[in-house]
């Protein structure tokens, strides 16, 4: 704690007391925000891990079907079939507010994977691989959204934590220490004033007695 360099006066006390009250209210609000951010971050982090697991599983299945197709019809045939695939998909990114920060809302819409290949030159695994890779798109959109939100929430949490630390470990202790110093100084002045007034009163009370003895 460090005492502020201010004059120990009543006006300084009142000004600092108001600032300290404002800082304590701000700390309470920031602490509430910090708790909410922690809850949201943990929630989204859990969902992101679940999305990662589902994406990994979907990719594993898609690549497994692709490997089977490569074994059945060969690389060149798969490449030719892939060039002819026409699957339309749309990615929309919006934003929503959460605790004063903007977080993304990602949605992926893909048309149903209908018949894309002829009967000749492909295999059932070729169709299966196409459908599975198409299904991965939606999962990747969800994962991208969650990972982005986690990063933004973590960044905002760090900023909020720094502010709460500054208030609780520096600002509030320094102001509290300064207020205690001012109160102590004012009380000391009052004691000194009381002693001086008492000494003056005692002297004034003795002076008439001294004058009577000399007369």
Protein backbone atom coordinates (compact mmCIF):
# COMPACT_ATOMS: atom_id res chain seq x y z
CA UNK A 1 0.00 0.00 0.00
CA UNK A 2 1.12 3.53 -0.78
CA UNK A 3 -0.29 6.72 0.65
CA UNK A 4 -1.35 9.30 -1.90
CA UNK A 5 0.33 12.68 -1.89
CA UNK A 6 -2.65 14.80 -0.82
CA UNK A 7 -3.19 17.39 1.88
CA UNK A 8 -4.79 15.89 5.01
CA UNK A 9 -7.89 18.10 4.95
CA UNK A 10 -11.59 17.45 5.30
CA UNK A 11 -12.19 18.39 1.66
CA UNK A 12 -9.53 15.86 0.56
CA UNK A 13 -11.15 13.25 2.77
CA UNK A 14 -14.60 13.81 1.26
CA UNK A 15 -13.25 13.75 -2.29
CA UNK A 16 -11.23 10.58 -1.75
CA UNK A 17 -14.10 8.92 0.08
CA UNK A 18 -16.38 9.49 -2.90
CA UNK A 19 -13.75 8.13 -5.29
CA UNK A 20 -13.20 5.09 -3.09
CA UNK A 21 -16.93 4.40 -2.93
CA UNK A 22 -17.10 4.63 -6.74
CA UNK A 23 -14.10 2.30 -7.07
CA UNK A 24 -15.66 -0.26 -4.72
CA UNK A 25 -18.90 -0.20 -6.70
CA UNK A 26 -16.88 -0.61 -9.90
CA UNK A 27 -14.99 -3.53 -8.37
CA UNK A 28 -18.26 -5.27 -7.44
CA UNK A 29 -19.56 -4.87 -11.00
CA UNK A 30 -16.30 -6.10 -12.51
CA UNK A 31 -16.25 -9.07 -10.17
CA UNK A 32 -19.77 -10.00 -11.24
CA UNK A 33 -18.69 -9.67 -14.88
CA UNK A 34 -15.62 -11.81 -14.19
CA UNK A 35 -17.74 -14.58 -12.68
CA UNK A 36 -20.13 -14.54 -15.64
CA UNK A 37 -17.23 -14.60 -18.11
CA UNK A 38 -15.70 -17.58 -16.31
CA UNK A 39 -19.01 -19.44 -16.46
CA UNK A 40 -19.51 -18.63 -20.15
CA UNK A 41 -15.90 -19.51 -20.98
CA UNK A 42 -16.07 -22.89 -19.23
CA UNK A 43 -19.41 -23.64 -20.89
CA UNK A 44 -18.19 -22.76 -24.39
CA UNK A 45 -14.89 -24.53 -23.79
CA UNK A 46 -16.73 -27.73 -22.94
CA UNK A 47 -18.89 -27.39 -26.05
CA UNK A 48 -15.80 -26.68 -28.17
CA UNK A 49 -14.12 -29.86 -26.93
CA UNK A 50 -17.27 -31.83 -27.73
CA UNK A 51 -17.37 -30.24 -31.20
CA UNK A 52 -13.70 -31.13 -31.74
CA UNK A 53 -14.47 -34.74 -30.85
CA UNK A 54 -17.43 -34.87 -33.25
CA UNK A 55 -15.43 -33.25 -36.06
CA UNK A 56 -12.60 -35.74 -35.51
CA UNK A 57 -15.03 -38.65 -35.62
CA UNK A 58 -16.74 -37.31 -38.76
CA UNK A 59 -13.41 -36.70 -40.49
CA UNK A 60 -12.23 -40.18 -39.57
CA UNK A 61 -15.36 -41.69 -41.12
CA UNK A 62 -15.10 -39.52 -44.24
CA UNK A 63 -11.45 -40.37 -44.82
CA UNK A 64 -12.17 -44.04 -44.20
CA UNK A 65 -14.78 -44.00 -46.96
CA UNK A 66 -12.39 -42.08 -49.21
CA UNK A 67 -9.64 -44.66 -48.66
CA UNK A 68 -12.04 -47.45 -49.58
CA UNK A 69 -13.07 -45.58 -52.71
CA UNK A 70 -9.41 -45.08 -53.68
CA UNK A 71 -8.76 -48.79 -53.25
CA UNK A 72 -11.81 -49.73 -55.28
CA UNK A 73 -11.59 -47.37 -58.27
CA UNK A 74 -8.18 -45.71 -58.00
CA UNK A 75 -6.93 -42.17 -57.48
CA UNK A 76 -7.58 -40.93 -61.02
CA UNK A 77 -11.19 -42.05 -61.00
CA UNK A 78 -11.81 -40.43 -57.62
CA UNK A 79 -10.22 -37.19 -58.84
CA UNK A 80 -12.46 -37.18 -61.94
CA UNK A 81 -15.52 -37.84 -59.83
CA UNK A 82 -14.62 -35.10 -57.37
CA UNK A 83 -14.28 -32.51 -60.15
CA UNK A 84 -17.88 -33.17 -61.16
CA UNK A 85 -19.36 -32.68 -57.69
CA UNK A 86 -21.59 -29.59 -57.43
CA UNK A 87 -22.77 -29.13 -53.86
CA UNK A 88 -23.86 -25.60 -52.98
CA UNK A 89 -23.26 -24.41 -49.43
CA UNK A 90 -23.55 -21.09 -47.62
CA UNK A 91 -21.72 -19.81 -44.57
CA UNK A 92 -23.36 -16.95 -42.69
CA UNK A 93 -21.60 -15.08 -39.90
CA UNK A 94 -23.55 -12.78 -37.60
CA UNK A 95 -22.65 -11.21 -34.27
CA UNK A 96 -24.31 -11.02 -30.90
CA UNK A 97 -23.43 -9.13 -27.74
CA UNK A 98 -22.36 -10.84 -24.54
CA UNK A 99 -21.10 -8.83 -21.55
CA UNK A 100 -20.08 -5.95 -23.79
CA UNK A 101 -18.16 -8.05 -26.32
CA UNK A 102 -19.14 -9.11 -29.83
CA UNK A 103 -19.15 -12.84 -30.41
CA UNK A 104 -19.75 -14.60 -33.74
CA UNK A 105 -22.75 -16.71 -34.65
CA UNK A 106 -21.78 -19.02 -37.51
CA UNK A 107 -24.30 -21.02 -39.49
CA UNK A 108 -23.55 -23.36 -42.39
CA UNK A 109 -26.25 -24.48 -44.79
CA UNK A 110 -25.49 -27.10 -47.43
CA UNK A 111 -27.85 -28.58 -49.95
CA UNK A 112 -28.62 -32.28 -49.54
CA UNK A 113 -26.03 -34.50 -51.15
CA UNK A 114 -28.06 -36.10 -53.92
CA UNK A 115 -26.83 -38.27 -56.77
CA UNK A 116 -23.62 -36.74 -58.08
CA UNK A 117 -21.95 -39.65 -59.87
CA UNK A 118 -22.91 -41.96 -62.65
CA UNK A 119 -23.20 -45.68 -62.15
CA UNK A 120 -20.03 -46.35 -64.09
CA UNK A 121 -16.55 -45.51 -62.88
CA UNK A 122 -17.45 -44.95 -59.18
CA UNK A 123 -18.42 -47.01 -56.16
CA UNK A 124 -20.72 -46.86 -53.15
CA UNK A 125 -17.82 -45.62 -51.05
CA UNK A 126 -17.37 -42.68 -53.43
CA UNK A 127 -20.93 -41.52 -52.67
CA UNK A 128 -20.43 -42.25 -48.97
CA UNK A 129 -17.21 -40.21 -48.80
CA UNK A 130 -18.93 -37.28 -50.54
CA UNK A 131 -21.88 -37.32 -48.12
CA UNK A 132 -19.63 -37.61 -45.08
CA UNK A 133 -17.37 -34.73 -46.13
CA UNK A 134 -20.47 -32.61 -46.79
CA UNK A 135 -21.72 -33.37 -43.27
CA UNK A 136 -18.40 -32.24 -41.82
CA UNK A 137 -19.01 -28.70 -43.10
CA UNK A 138 -21.76 -27.96 -40.59
CA UNK A 139 -19.68 -29.37 -37.75
CA UNK A 140 -16.69 -27.26 -38.80
CA UNK A 141 -18.87 -24.14 -38.74
CA UNK A 142 -19.97 -24.92 -35.20
CA UNK A 143 -16.38 -25.61 -34.12
CA UNK A 144 -15.09 -22.40 -35.72
CA UNK A 145 -17.77 -20.40 -33.89
CA UNK A 146 -17.02 -21.97 -30.53
CA UNK A 147 -13.24 -21.64 -30.84
CA UNK A 148 -13.58 -17.98 -31.81
CA UNK A 149 -15.93 -17.31 -28.90
CA UNK A 150 -13.55 -19.04 -26.49
CA UNK A 151 -10.67 -16.83 -27.66
CA UNK A 152 -12.73 -13.64 -27.29
CA UNK A 153 -14.09 -14.62 -23.88
CA UNK A 154 -10.60 -15.51 -22.64
CA UNK A 155 -9.24 -12.18 -23.88
CA UNK A 156 -12.06 -10.25 -22.17
CA UNK A 157 -11.60 -12.27 -18.99
CA UNK A 158 -7.92 -11.34 -18.86
CA UNK A 159 -8.76 -7.65 -19.30
CA UNK A 160 -11.42 -7.84 -16.58
CA UNK A 161 -9.04 -9.70 -14.26
CA UNK A 162 -6.38 -7.02 -14.71
CA UNK A 163 -8.89 -4.31 -13.86
CA UNK A 164 -10.17 -6.08 -10.76
CA UNK A 165 -6.60 -6.69 -9.62
CA UNK A 166 -5.73 -3.03 -10.13
CA UNK A 167 -8.72 -1.97 -8.04
CA UNK A 168 -8.39 -4.57 -5.29
CA UNK A 169 -4.59 -4.58 -4.94
CA UNK A 170 -3.62 -1.00 -5.77
CA UNK A 171 -6.37 1.60 -6.06
CA UNK A 172 -8.64 0.60 -3.15
CA UNK A 173 -5.78 -0.16 -0.68
CA UNK A 174 -3.98 3.10 -1.53
CA UNK A 175 -7.11 5.18 -1.13
CA UNK A 176 -8.08 3.37 2.08
CA UNK A 177 -4.60 3.94 3.51
CA UNK A 178 -4.73 7.62 2.54
CA UNK A 179 -8.14 8.04 4.17
CA UNK A 180 -6.84 6.46 7.38
CA UNK A 181 -3.88 8.84 7.26
CA UNK A 182 -6.17 11.85 6.81
CA UNK A 183 -8.43 10.75 9.67
CA UNK A 184 -5.40 10.25 11.90
CA UNK A 185 -4.01 13.67 10.94
CA UNK A 186 -7.33 15.41 11.55
CA UNK A 187 -7.72 13.71 14.93
CA UNK A 188 -4.20 14.73 15.87
CA UNK A 189 -4.96 18.32 14.93
CA UNK A 190 -8.10 18.24 17.03
CA UNK A 191 -6.14 16.94 20.01
CA UNK A 192 -3.52 19.65 19.53
CA UNK A 193 -6.21 22.31 19.25
CA UNK A 194 -7.91 21.00 22.38
CA UNK A 195 -4.65 21.08 24.34
CA UNK A 196 -3.84 24.59 23.15
CA UNK A 197 -7.31 25.84 24.00
CA UNK A 198 -7.10 24.22 27.43
CA UNK A 199 -3.71 25.83 28.10
CA UNK A 200 -5.07 29.24 27.03
CA UNK A 201 -8.12 28.76 29.21
CA UNK A 202 -6.01 27.78 32.21
CA UNK A 203 -3.74 30.80 31.73
CA UNK A 204 -6.70 33.13 31.46
CA UNK A 205 -8.14 31.59 34.60
CA UNK A 206 -4.89 32.15 36.55
CA UNK A 207 -4.27 35.74 35.47
CA UNK A 208 -6.97 37.36 37.68
CA UNK A 209 -5.64 35.47 40.71
CA UNK A 210 -2.11 36.74 40.05
CA UNK A 211 -3.34 40.32 39.66
CA UNK A 212 -5.19 40.21 43.01
CA UNK A 213 -2.10 38.98 44.90
CA UNK A 214 0.06 41.84 43.51
CA UNK A 215 -2.47 44.49 44.48
